[in-house]
PDB file of N, CA and C in Angstrom:
ATOM      1  N   UNK A   1      -0.050 -23.953   7.108  1.00  0.00           N
ATOM      2  CA  UNK A   1       0.877 -24.723   6.907  1.00  0.00           C
ATOM      3  C   UNK A   1      -0.636 -26.008   7.014  1.00  0.00           C
ATOM      4  N   UNK A   2      -0.615 -26.773   5.825  1.00  0.00           N
ATOM      5  CA  UNK A   2      -1.710 -27.481   5.284  1.00  0.00           C
ATOM      6  C   UNK A   2      -0.851 -28.864   5.799  1.00  0.00           C
ATOM      7  N   UNK A   3      -1.631 -29.973   6.349  1.00  0.00           N
ATOM      8  CA  UNK A   3      -0.784 -31.089   6.616  1.00  0.00           C
ATOM      9  C   UNK A   3      -1.978 -32.450   5.306  1.00  0.00           C
ATOM     10  N   UNK A   4      -1.224 -33.356   5.256  1.00  0.00           N
ATOM     11  CA  UNK A   4      -1.791 -34.272   4.496  1.00  0.00           C
ATOM     12  C   UNK A   4      -2.918 -34.789   5.121  1.00  0.00           C
ATOM     13  N   UNK A   5      -4.155 -34.744   4.168  1.00  0.00           N
ATOM     14  CA  UNK A   5      -5.277 -35.084   4.850  1.00  0.00           C
ATOM     15  C   UNK A   5      -5.145 -37.000   5.007  1.00  0.00           C
ATOM     16  N   UNK A   6      -4.267 -37.883   4.651  1.00  0.00           N
ATOM     17  CA  UNK A   6      -3.709 -39.073   4.294  1.00  0.00           C
ATOM     18  C   UNK A   6      -3.567 -39.669   5.730  1.00  0.00           C
ATOM     19  N   UNK A   7      -2.761 -38.443   6.209  1.00  0.00           N
ATOM     20  CA  UNK A   7      -2.295 -38.923   7.417  1.00  0.00           C
ATOM     21  C   UNK A   7      -3.420 -38.615   8.861  1.00  0.00           C
ATOM     22  N   UNK A   8      -4.003 -39.569   9.517  1.00  0.00           N
ATOM     23  CA  UNK A   8      -4.606 -38.802  10.251  1.00  0.00           C
ATOM     24  C   UNK A   8      -3.526 -38.080  11.929  1.00  0.00           C
ATOM     25  N   UNK A   9      -4.817 -37.205  11.839  1.00  0.00           N
ATOM     26  CA  UNK A   9      -4.095 -36.382  13.206  1.00  0.00           C
ATOM     27  C   UNK A   9      -4.205 -37.101  14.574  1.00  0.00           C
ATOM     28  N   UNK A  10      -3.377 -36.566  15.134  1.00  0.00           N
ATOM     29  CA  UNK A  10      -3.242 -37.304  16.674  1.00  0.00           C
ATOM     30  C   UNK A  10      -4.165 -36.733  17.785  1.00  0.00           C
ATOM     31  N   UNK A  11      -4.929 -37.486  18.396  1.00  0.00           N
ATOM     32  CA  UNK A  11      -5.835 -36.743  19.432  1.00  0.00           C
ATOM     33  C   UNK A  11      -4.744 -36.767  20.590  1.00  0.00           C
ATOM     34  N   UNK A  12      -5.268 -35.207  21.233  1.00  0.00           N
ATOM     35  CA  UNK A  12      -4.653 -34.819  22.588  1.00  0.00           C
ATOM     36  C   UNK A  12      -5.622 -34.768  23.427  1.00  0.00           C
ATOM     37  N   UNK A  13      -5.246 -34.734  24.567  1.00  0.00           N
ATOM     38  CA  UNK A  13      -5.962 -34.173  26.044  1.00  0.00           C
ATOM     39  C   UNK A  13      -6.123 -32.776  25.890  1.00  0.00           C
ATOM     40  N   UNK A  14      -7.333 -32.138  26.090  1.00  0.00           N
ATOM     41  CA  UNK A  14      -7.361 -30.978  26.032  1.00  0.00           C
ATOM     42  C   UNK A  14      -6.537 -30.104  26.993  1.00  0.00           C
ATOM     43  N   UNK A  15      -6.521 -30.875  28.115  1.00  0.00           N
ATOM     44  CA  UNK A  15      -5.770 -29.852  28.826  1.00  0.00           C
ATOM     45  C   UNK A  15      -4.054 -29.976  28.906  1.00  0.00           C
ATOM     46  N   UNK A  16      -3.570 -30.649  27.602  1.00  0.00           N
ATOM     47  CA  UNK A  16      -2.294 -30.786  27.165  1.00  0.00           C
ATOM     48  C   UNK A  16      -2.208 -29.577  26.202  1.00  0.00           C
ATOM     49  N   UNK A  17      -3.078 -28.916  25.974  1.00  0.00           N
ATOM     50  CA  UNK A  17      -2.851 -27.475  24.778  1.00  0.00           C
ATOM     51  C   UNK A  17      -2.490 -26.306  25.379  1.00  0.00           C
ATOM     52  N   UNK A  18      -1.571 -25.458  24.804  1.00  0.00           N
ATOM     53  CA  UNK A  18      -1.452 -24.483  25.352  1.00  0.00           C
ATOM     54  C   UNK A  18      -2.234 -22.986  25.122  1.00  0.00           C
ATOM     55  N   UNK A  19      -2.128 -21.807  25.606  1.00  0.00           N
ATOM     56  CA  UNK A  19      -3.253 -20.902  25.425  1.00  0.00           C
ATOM     57  C   UNK A  19      -3.001 -20.371  23.728  1.00  0.00           C
ATOM     58  N   UNK A  20      -4.267 -20.265  23.234  1.00  0.00           N
ATOM     59  CA  UNK A  20      -4.036 -19.913  21.898  1.00  0.00           C
ATOM     60  C   UNK A  20      -4.014 -21.073  20.891  1.00  0.00           C
ATOM     61  N   UNK A  21      -4.159 -22.115  21.362  1.00  0.00           N
ATOM     62  CA  UNK A  21      -4.276 -23.349  20.557  1.00  0.00           C
ATOM     63  C   UNK A  21      -5.618 -23.418  20.202  1.00  0.00           C
ATOM     64  N   UNK A  22      -6.050 -23.621  18.775  1.00  0.00           N
ATOM     65  CA  UNK A  22      -7.269 -24.352  18.325  1.00  0.00           C
ATOM     66  C   UNK A  22      -7.436 -25.661  18.300  1.00  0.00           C
ATOM     67  N   UNK A  23      -8.505 -26.584  18.382  1.00  0.00           N
ATOM     68  CA  UNK A  23      -8.576 -27.498  18.289  1.00  0.00           C
ATOM     69  C   UNK A  23     -10.069 -28.079  18.526  1.00  0.00           C
ATOM     70  N   UNK A  24     -10.618 -29.290  17.760  1.00  0.00           N
ATOM     71  CA  UNK A  24     -11.703 -29.962  17.455  1.00  0.00           C
ATOM     72  C   UNK A  24     -11.784 -31.257  18.559  1.00  0.00           C
ATOM     73  N   UNK A  25     -13.144 -30.925  19.002  1.00  0.00           N
ATOM     74  CA  UNK A  25     -13.794 -31.879  20.096  1.00  0.00           C
ATOM     75  C   UNK A  25     -13.538 -33.230  19.237  1.00  0.00           C
ATOM     76  N   UNK A  26     -12.952 -34.413  19.666  1.00  0.00           N
ATOM     77  CA  UNK A  26     -13.118 -35.510  18.937  1.00  0.00           C
ATOM     78  C   UNK A  26     -13.977 -36.849  20.045  1.00  0.00           C
ATOM     79  N   UNK A  27     -13.743 -36.399  21.148  1.00  0.00           N
ATOM     80  CA  UNK A  27     -14.394 -37.572  22.201  1.00  0.00           C
ATOM     81  C   UNK A  27     -14.364 -36.349  23.728  1.00  0.00           C
ATOM     82  N   UNK A  28     -15.511 -37.002  24.114  1.00  0.00           N
ATOM     83  CA  UNK A  28     -15.953 -35.697  25.585  1.00  0.00           C
ATOM     84  C   UNK A  28     -16.149 -36.993  26.695  1.00  0.00           C
ATOM     85  N   UNK A  29     -15.711 -37.954  26.755  1.00  0.00           N
ATOM     86  CA  UNK A  29     -15.172 -39.135  27.673  1.00  0.00           C
ATOM     87  C   UNK A  29     -16.389 -39.472  28.344  1.00  0.00           C
ATOM     88  N   UNK A  30     -16.556 -39.338  29.733  1.00  0.00           N
ATOM     89  CA  UNK A  30     -17.537 -39.966  30.310  1.00  0.00           C
ATOM     90  C   UNK A  30     -19.000 -39.571  30.010  1.00  0.00           C
ATOM     91  N   UNK A  31     -19.714 -40.684  29.797  1.00  0.00           N
ATOM     92  CA  UNK A  31     -21.344 -40.117  29.647  1.00  0.00           C
ATOM     93  C   UNK A  31     -21.935 -39.502  30.277  1.00  0.00           C
ATOM     94  N   UNK A  32     -21.573 -39.654  32.004  1.00  0.00           N
ATOM     95  CA  UNK A  32     -22.440 -38.693  32.913  1.00  0.00           C
ATOM     96  C   UNK A  32     -21.691 -37.588  32.641  1.00  0.00           C
ATOM     97  N   UNK A  33     -20.620 -36.754  31.780  1.00  0.00           N
ATOM     98  CA  UNK A  33     -20.401 -35.391  31.793  1.00  0.00           C
ATOM     99  C   UNK A  33     -20.990 -35.098  30.458  1.00  0.00           C
ATOM    100  N   UNK A  34     -21.456 -35.696  29.205  1.00  0.00           N
ATOM    101  CA  UNK A  34     -21.496 -35.202  28.064  1.00  0.00           C
ATOM    102  C   UNK A  34     -22.828 -34.420  28.077  1.00  0.00           C
ATOM    103  N   UNK A  35     -23.782 -34.680  28.862  1.00  0.00           N
ATOM    104  CA  UNK A  35     -24.976 -33.927  29.172  1.00  0.00           C
ATOM    105  C   UNK A  35     -24.577 -32.320  29.463  1.00  0.00           C
ATOM    106  N   UNK A  36     -23.858 -32.124  30.557  1.00  0.00           N
ATOM    107  CA  UNK A  36     -23.312 -30.967  31.181  1.00  0.00           C
ATOM    108  C   UNK A  36     -22.120 -30.094  29.914  1.00  0.00           C
ATOM    109  N   UNK A  37     -21.495 -31.088  29.549  1.00  0.00           N
ATOM    110  CA  UNK A  37     -20.558 -30.042  28.329  1.00  0.00           C
ATOM    111  C   UNK A  37     -21.655 -30.058  27.320  1.00  0.00           C
ATOM    112  N   UNK A  38     -22.368 -30.672  26.743  1.00  0.00           N
ATOM    113  CA  UNK A  38     -23.605 -30.215  25.618  1.00  0.00           C
ATOM    114  C   UNK A  38     -23.934 -28.761  25.731  1.00  0.00           C
ATOM    115  N   UNK A  39     -24.675 -28.385  27.493  1.00  0.00           N
ATOM    116  CA  UNK A  39     -25.145 -27.433  27.697  1.00  0.00           C
ATOM    117  C   UNK A  39     -24.556 -26.354  27.540  1.00  0.00           C
ATOM    118  N   UNK A  40     -23.081 -26.425  27.811  1.00  0.00           N
ATOM    119  CA  UNK A  40     -22.016 -25.284  27.618  1.00  0.00           C
ATOM    120  C   UNK A  40     -21.747 -25.103  26.513  1.00  0.00           C
ATOM    121  N   UNK A  41     -22.157 -26.052  25.477  1.00  0.00           N
ATOM    122  CA  UNK A  41     -21.890 -25.507  23.937  1.00  0.00           C
ATOM    123  C   UNK A  41     -20.839 -26.576  23.653  1.00  0.00           C
ATOM    124  N   UNK A  42     -20.232 -27.294  24.411  1.00  0.00           N
ATOM    125  CA  UNK A  42     -19.462 -28.491  24.213  1.00  0.00           C
ATOM    126  C   UNK A  42     -19.542 -29.852  23.565  1.00  0.00           C
ATOM    127  N   UNK A  43     -19.593 -29.634  22.332  1.00  0.00           N
ATOM    128  CA  UNK A  43     -19.939 -31.098  21.862  1.00  0.00           C
ATOM    129  C   UNK A  43     -18.779 -31.323  20.606  1.00  0.00           C
ATOM    130  N   UNK A  44     -19.074 -33.058  20.085  1.00  0.00           N
ATOM    131  CA  UNK A  44     -18.275 -33.474  19.243  1.00  0.00           C
ATOM    132  C   UNK A  44     -18.151 -32.767  17.804  1.00  0.00           C
ATOM    133  N   UNK A  45     -17.064 -32.430  17.370  1.00  0.00           N
ATOM    134  CA  UNK A  45     -16.818 -31.663  16.285  1.00  0.00           C
ATOM    135  C   UNK A  45     -16.211 -29.810  16.409  1.00  0.00           C
ATOM    136  N   UNK A  46     -16.964 -29.502  17.724  1.00  0.00           N
ATOM    137  CA  UNK A  46     -16.726 -28.075  17.976  1.00  0.00           C
ATOM    138  C   UNK A  46     -15.231 -27.917  17.935  1.00  0.00           C
ATOM    139  N   UNK A  47     -15.257 -26.472  17.385  1.00  0.00           N
ATOM    140  CA  UNK A  47     -13.944 -25.677  17.000  1.00  0.00           C
ATOM    141  C   UNK A  47     -13.595 -25.096  18.607  1.00  0.00           C
ATOM    142  N   UNK A  48     -12.775 -25.164  19.545  1.00  0.00           N
ATOM    143  CA  UNK A  48     -12.155 -24.424  20.509  1.00  0.00           C
ATOM    144  C   UNK A  48     -11.133 -23.625  20.769  1.00  0.00           C
ATOM    145  N   UNK A  49     -10.964 -22.589  21.353  1.00  0.00           N
ATOM    146  CA  UNK A  49     -10.123 -22.105  21.697  1.00  0.00           C
ATOM    147  C   UNK A  49      -9.548 -22.061  22.622  1.00  0.00           C
ATOM    148  N   UNK A  50      -8.132 -22.369  23.668  1.00  0.00           N
ATOM    149  CA  UNK A  50      -7.766 -22.492  24.770  1.00  0.00           C
ATOM    150  C   UNK A  50      -7.202 -20.951  24.813  1.00  0.00           C
ATOM    151  N   UNK A  51      -7.935 -20.547  26.325  1.00  0.00           N
ATOM    152  CA  UNK A  51      -7.461 -19.553  26.579  1.00  0.00           C
ATOM    153  C   UNK A  51      -6.484 -19.054  27.805  1.00  0.00           C
ATOM    154  N   UNK A  52      -6.914 -20.325  28.727  1.00  0.00           N
ATOM    155  CA  UNK A  52      -5.749 -20.383  29.513  1.00  0.00           C
ATOM    156  C   UNK A  52      -5.900 -21.959  30.048  1.00  0.00           C
ATOM    157  N   UNK A  53      -4.437 -22.300  30.344  1.00  0.00           N
ATOM    158  CA  UNK A  53      -4.753 -23.596  30.900  1.00  0.00           C
ATOM    159  C   UNK A  53      -4.389 -23.682  32.211  1.00  0.00           C
ATOM    160  N   UNK A  54      -4.093 -24.881  32.767  1.00  0.00           N
ATOM    161  CA  UNK A  54      -4.563 -25.122  34.239  1.00  0.00           C
ATOM    162  C   UNK A  54      -5.835 -25.169  34.931  1.00  0.00           C
ATOM    163  N   UNK A  55      -5.913 -25.142  36.142  1.00  0.00           N
ATOM    164  CA  UNK A  55      -7.035 -25.278  36.980  1.00  0.00           C
ATOM    165  C   UNK A  55      -7.815 -24.250  37.081  1.00  0.00           C
ATOM    166  N   UNK A  56      -8.677 -23.414  36.509  1.00  0.00           N
ATOM    167  CA  UNK A  56      -9.397 -24.116  35.923  1.00  0.00           C
ATOM    168  C   UNK A  56      -8.990 -23.817  34.471  1.00  0.00           C
ATOM    169  N   UNK A  57      -9.201 -24.655  33.647  1.00  0.00           N
ATOM    170  CA  UNK A  57      -9.149 -24.469  31.898  1.00  0.00           C
ATOM    171  C   UNK A  57     -10.110 -23.663  31.376  1.00  0.00           C
ATOM    172  N   UNK A  58      -9.714 -22.443  30.684  1.00  0.00           N
ATOM    173  CA  UNK A  58     -10.350 -21.639  29.975  1.00  0.00           C
ATOM    174  C   UNK A  58     -10.369 -21.779  28.571  1.00  0.00           C
ATOM    175  N   UNK A  59     -11.660 -21.658  28.077  1.00  0.00           N
ATOM    176  CA  UNK A  59     -11.783 -22.404  26.565  1.00  0.00           C
ATOM    177  C   UNK A  59     -13.029 -20.906  26.031  1.00  0.00           C
ATOM    178  N   UNK A  60     -12.674 -20.874  24.671  1.00  0.00           N
ATOM    179  CA  UNK A  60     -13.673 -20.008  24.156  1.00  0.00           C
ATOM    180  C   UNK A  60     -14.167 -20.937  23.147  1.00  0.00           C
ATOM    181  N   UNK A  61     -15.745 -20.842  23.286  1.00  0.00           N
ATOM    182  CA  UNK A  61     -16.850 -21.293  22.583  1.00  0.00           C
ATOM    183  C   UNK A  61     -17.680 -20.503  21.689  1.00  0.00           C
ATOM    184  N   UNK A  62     -17.655 -20.410  20.453  1.00  0.00           N
ATOM    185  CA  UNK A  62     -18.320 -19.291  19.698  1.00  0.00           C
ATOM    186  C   UNK A  62     -18.579 -17.879  20.543  1.00  0.00           C
ATOM    187  N   UNK A  63     -17.250 -17.569  20.803  1.00  0.00           N
ATOM    188  CA  UNK A  63     -17.370 -16.167  21.514  1.00  0.00           C
ATOM    189  C   UNK A  63     -17.382 -16.311  22.838  1.00  0.00           C
ATOM    190  N   UNK A  64     -17.773 -17.298  23.794  1.00  0.00           N
ATOM    191  CA  UNK A  64     -18.001 -17.102  25.245  1.00  0.00           C
ATOM    192  C   UNK A  64     -17.106 -18.014  25.881  1.00  0.00           C
ATOM    193  N   UNK A  65     -16.591 -17.716  26.941  1.00  0.00           N
ATOM    194  CA  UNK A  65     -15.500 -18.458  27.625  1.00  0.00           C
ATOM    195  C   UNK A  65     -16.249 -19.198  28.708  1.00  0.00           C
ATOM    196  N   UNK A  66     -15.401 -20.574  29.012  1.00  0.00           N
ATOM    197  CA  UNK A  66     -15.979 -21.422  29.891  1.00  0.00           C
ATOM    198  C   UNK A  66     -14.794 -22.059  30.452  1.00  0.00           C
ATOM    199  N   UNK A  67     -15.005 -21.944  31.727  1.00  0.00           N
ATOM    200  CA  UNK A  67     -13.922 -22.674  32.716  1.00  0.00           C
ATOM    201  C   UNK A  67     -14.193 -23.870  33.243  1.00  0.00           C
ATOM    202  N   UNK A  68     -13.392 -24.874  32.670  1.00  0.00           N
ATOM    203  CA  UNK A  68     -13.533 -26.339  32.996  1.00  0.00           C
ATOM    204  C   UNK A  68     -12.404 -27.012  33.938  1.00  0.00           C
ATOM    205  N   UNK A  69     -12.781 -27.585  34.884  1.00  0.00           N
ATOM    206  CA  UNK A  69     -11.862 -28.226  35.851  1.00  0.00           C
ATOM    207  C   UNK A  69     -10.989 -28.775  35.330  1.00  0.00           C
ATOM    208  N   UNK A  70      -9.742 -29.151  35.620  1.00  0.00           N
ATOM    209  CA  UNK A  70      -8.632 -30.261  35.005  1.00  0.00           C
ATOM    210  C   UNK A  70      -8.974 -31.509  34.891  1.00  0.00           C
ATOM    211  N   UNK A  71     -10.043 -31.927  35.952  1.00  0.00           N
ATOM    212  CA  UNK A  71     -10.251 -33.356  35.790  1.00  0.00           C
ATOM    213  C   UNK A  71     -11.401 -33.515  34.722  1.00  0.00           C
ATOM    214  N   UNK A  72     -12.172 -32.358  34.340  1.00  0.00           N
ATOM    215  CA  UNK A  72     -13.074 -32.639  33.250  1.00  0.00           C
ATOM    216  C   UNK A  72     -12.021 -32.516  31.595  1.00  0.00           C
ATOM    217  N   UNK A  73     -11.137 -31.601  31.928  1.00  0.00           N
ATOM    218  CA  UNK A  73     -10.206 -31.165  30.728  1.00  0.00           C
ATOM    219  C   UNK A  73      -9.567 -32.378  30.164  1.00  0.00           C
ATOM    220  N   UNK A  74      -9.112 -32.933  31.255  1.00  0.00           N
ATOM    221  CA  UNK A  74      -8.449 -34.458  31.095  1.00  0.00           C
ATOM    222  C   UNK A  74      -9.367 -35.361  30.321  1.00  0.00           C
ATOM    223  N   UNK A  75     -10.588 -35.572  30.427  1.00  0.00           N
ATOM    224  CA  UNK A  75     -11.172 -36.724  29.897  1.00  0.00           C
ATOM    225  C   UNK A  75     -11.830 -36.073  28.229  1.00  0.00           C
ATOM    226  N   UNK A  76     -11.558 -34.795  27.778  1.00  0.00           N
ATOM    227  CA  UNK A  76     -11.927 -34.391  26.372  1.00  0.00           C
ATOM    228  C   UNK A  76     -10.795 -34.687  25.788  1.00  0.00           C
ATOM    229  N   UNK A  77     -10.802 -35.507  24.350  1.00  0.00           N
ATOM    230  CA  UNK A  77      -9.940 -35.370  23.533  1.00  0.00           C
ATOM    231  C   UNK A  77     -10.187 -34.564  22.520  1.00  0.00           C
ATOM    232  N   UNK A  78      -9.259 -33.964  21.619  1.00  0.00           N
ATOM    233  CA  UNK A  78      -9.340 -33.116  20.644  1.00  0.00           C
ATOM    234  C   UNK A  78      -7.874 -33.450  19.494  1.00  0.00           C
ATOM    235  N   UNK A  79      -8.469 -33.035  18.472  1.00  0.00           N
ATOM    236  CA  UNK A  79      -7.352 -32.553  17.563  1.00  0.00           C
ATOM    237  C   UNK A  79      -6.970 -31.413  17.182  1.00  0.00           C
ATOM    238  N   UNK A  80      -5.670 -31.068  17.156  1.00  0.00           N
ATOM    239  CA  UNK A  80      -5.110 -29.274  16.570  1.00  0.00           C
ATOM    240  C   UNK A  80      -6.204 -29.533  15.136  1.00  0.00           C
ATOM    241  N   UNK A  81      -6.361 -28.042  14.987  1.00  0.00           N
ATOM    242  CA  UNK A  81      -6.928 -27.780  13.740  1.00  0.00           C
ATOM    243  C   UNK A  81      -5.974 -27.336  12.539  1.00  0.00           C
ATOM    244  N   UNK A  82      -6.309 -28.048  11.310  1.00  0.00           N
ATOM    245  CA  UNK A  82      -5.026 -28.018  10.644  1.00  0.00           C
ATOM    246  C   UNK A  82      -5.132 -26.360   9.750  1.00  0.00           C
ATOM    247  N   UNK A  83      -3.932 -26.122   9.591  1.00  0.00           N
ATOM    248  CA  UNK A  83      -3.988 -24.899   8.776  1.00  0.00           C
ATOM    249  C   UNK A  83      -3.407 -23.760   9.621  1.00  0.00           C
ATOM    250  N   UNK A  84      -3.998 -23.711  10.987  1.00  0.00           N
ATOM    251  CA  UNK A  84      -3.719 -22.622  11.705  1.00  0.00           C
ATOM    252  C   UNK A  84      -3.795 -22.772  12.892  1.00  0.00           C
ATOM    253  N   UNK A  85      -3.387 -22.174  13.984  1.00  0.00           N
ATOM    254  CA  UNK A  85      -3.417 -22.144  15.389  1.00  0.00           C
ATOM    255  C   UNK A  85      -4.825 -21.613  15.617  1.00  0.00           C
ATOM    256  N   UNK A  86      -5.141 -20.694  15.078  1.00  0.00           N
ATOM    257  CA  UNK A  86      -6.590 -20.094  15.345  1.00  0.00           C
ATOM    258  C   UNK A  86      -7.291 -19.848  13.985  1.00  0.00           C
ATOM    259  N   UNK A  87      -7.634 -21.639  13.327  1.00  0.00           N
ATOM    260  CA  UNK A  87      -8.073 -21.522  12.529  1.00  0.00           C
ATOM    261  C   UNK A  87      -9.516 -20.687  11.844  1.00  0.00           C
ATOM    262  N   UNK A  88     -10.481 -20.117  12.877  1.00  0.00           N
ATOM    263  CA  UNK A  88     -11.489 -19.269  12.306  1.00  0.00           C
ATOM    264  C   UNK A  88     -10.871 -18.219  11.264  1.00  0.00           C
ATOM    265  N   UNK A  89      -9.611 -17.693  11.763  1.00  0.00           N
ATOM    266  CA  UNK A  89      -9.198 -16.233  11.317  1.00  0.00           C
ATOM    267  C   UNK A  89      -8.730 -16.221  10.149  1.00  0.00           C
ATOM    268  N   UNK A  90      -8.357 -17.651   9.480  1.00  0.00           N
ATOM    269  CA  UNK A  90      -8.257 -18.195   7.870  1.00  0.00           C
ATOM    270  C   UNK A  90      -9.256 -18.945   7.610  1.00  0.00           C
ATOM    271  N   UNK A  91     -10.607 -18.941   8.209  1.00  0.00           N
ATOM    272  CA  UNK A  91     -11.485 -19.161   7.770  1.00  0.00           C
ATOM    273  C   UNK A  91     -11.118 -21.012   6.654  1.00  0.00           C
ATOM    274  N   UNK A  92     -10.271 -21.940   7.567  1.00  0.00           N
ATOM    275  CA  UNK A  92     -10.045 -23.121   7.420  1.00  0.00           C
ATOM    276  C   UNK A  92     -10.973 -23.867   7.250  1.00  0.00           C
ATOM    277  N   UNK A  93     -11.718 -24.289   6.223  1.00  0.00           N
ATOM    278  CA  UNK A  93     -12.863 -25.259   6.764  1.00  0.00           C
ATOM    279  C   UNK A  93     -12.311 -26.827   7.460  1.00  0.00           C
ATOM    280  N   UNK A  94     -13.209 -27.324   8.324  1.00  0.00           N
ATOM    281  CA  UNK A  94     -13.190 -28.747   8.462  1.00  0.00           C
ATOM    282  C   UNK A  94     -14.262 -29.887   8.310  1.00  0.00           C
ATOM    283  N   UNK A  95     -13.560 -31.047   8.107  1.00  0.00           N
ATOM    284  CA  UNK A  95     -14.761 -31.997   7.520  1.00  0.00           C
ATOM    285  C   UNK A  95     -14.314 -33.117   7.030  1.00  0.00           C
TER     286      UNK A  95
END
Protein backbone atom coordinates (compact mmCIF):
# COMPACT_ATOMS: atom_id res chain seq x y z
CA UNK A 1 0.00 0.00 0.00
CA UNK A 2 1.71 3.19 -1.17
CA UNK A 3 0.83 6.50 0.44
CA UNK A 4 0.62 9.84 -1.32
CA UNK A 5 4.07 11.49 -1.06
CA UNK A 6 2.40 14.92 -0.91
CA UNK A 7 0.87 13.97 2.46
CA UNK A 8 3.48 14.12 5.25
CA UNK A 9 3.82 11.02 7.40
CA UNK A 10 3.08 11.41 11.10
CA UNK A 11 6.01 11.08 13.50
CA UNK A 12 5.56 8.52 16.27
CA UNK A 13 7.57 7.63 19.34
CA UNK A 14 9.56 4.44 18.86
CA UNK A 15 8.10 3.02 22.08
CA UNK A 16 4.57 3.22 20.59
CA UNK A 17 5.22 0.81 17.72
CA UNK A 18 4.21 -2.82 17.89
CA UNK A 19 6.52 -5.77 17.20
CA UNK A 20 7.05 -6.38 13.48
CA UNK A 21 6.76 -2.69 12.61
CA UNK A 22 9.32 -1.13 10.30
CA UNK A 23 10.23 2.53 10.78
CA UNK A 24 12.72 5.24 9.87
CA UNK A 25 14.40 7.36 12.56
CA UNK A 26 13.51 11.07 12.19
CA UNK A 27 14.67 12.51 15.55
CA UNK A 28 16.96 11.07 18.20
CA UNK A 29 15.99 13.21 21.16
CA UNK A 30 18.49 14.76 23.54
CA UNK A 31 22.01 15.51 22.34
CA UNK A 32 23.63 13.58 25.19
CA UNK A 33 22.03 10.35 23.91
CA UNK A 34 22.93 10.88 20.25
CA UNK A 35 26.51 9.63 20.49
CA UNK A 36 25.45 6.51 22.36
CA UNK A 37 22.68 5.75 19.83
CA UNK A 38 25.04 6.29 16.89
CA UNK A 39 27.55 3.89 18.44
CA UNK A 40 24.78 1.25 18.40
CA UNK A 41 23.99 1.95 14.72
CA UNK A 42 20.89 4.08 15.31
CA UNK A 43 21.04 7.39 13.46
CA UNK A 44 18.79 9.72 11.47
CA UNK A 45 17.34 8.02 8.41
CA UNK A 46 18.15 4.51 9.68
CA UNK A 47 15.54 1.80 9.14
CA UNK A 48 14.63 -0.22 12.24
CA UNK A 49 12.37 -3.20 12.90
CA UNK A 50 10.69 -3.44 16.30
CA UNK A 51 11.15 -6.98 17.61
CA UNK A 52 9.79 -6.52 21.16
CA UNK A 53 7.95 -3.67 22.81
CA UNK A 54 8.18 -2.80 26.50
CA UNK A 55 11.24 -2.27 28.68
CA UNK A 56 13.64 -3.03 27.18
CA UNK A 57 12.35 -2.38 23.68
CA UNK A 58 14.30 -4.50 21.21
CA UNK A 59 14.95 -3.35 17.64
CA UNK A 60 16.79 -4.89 14.73
CA UNK A 61 19.35 -2.68 12.99
CA UNK A 62 21.17 -4.24 10.01
CA UNK A 63 20.58 -7.74 11.39
CA UNK A 64 21.72 -6.89 14.93
CA UNK A 65 19.37 -6.86 17.92
CA UNK A 66 19.65 -3.86 20.21
CA UNK A 67 17.86 -3.34 23.53
CA UNK A 68 16.79 0.19 24.44
CA UNK A 69 15.40 1.36 27.76
CA UNK A 70 11.82 2.65 27.73
CA UNK A 71 13.15 6.11 28.64
CA UNK A 72 15.47 6.16 25.62
CA UNK A 73 12.83 4.72 23.25
CA UNK A 74 10.47 7.49 24.40
CA UNK A 75 12.84 10.14 23.00
CA UNK A 76 13.31 8.59 19.54
CA UNK A 77 10.83 9.77 16.90
CA UNK A 78 10.19 7.64 13.82
CA UNK A 79 7.96 7.44 10.77
CA UNK A 80 6.43 4.21 9.57
CA UNK A 81 7.84 2.93 6.29
CA UNK A 82 5.72 3.40 3.21
CA UNK A 83 4.54 0.31 1.40
CA UNK A 84 5.12 -2.43 3.96
CA UNK A 85 5.59 -3.06 7.66
CA UNK A 86 8.82 -4.87 6.77
CA UNK A 87 9.92 -2.65 3.90
CA UNK A 88 13.30 -4.29 3.22
CA UNK A 89 11.50 -7.50 2.20
CA UNK A 90 9.79 -5.62 -0.63
CA UNK A 91 12.84 -3.46 -1.42
CA UNK A 92 10.80 -0.28 -0.91
CA UNK A 93 13.09 2.73 -1.50
CA UNK A 94 13.16 5.56 1.02
CA UNK A 95 14.14 9.08 0.30
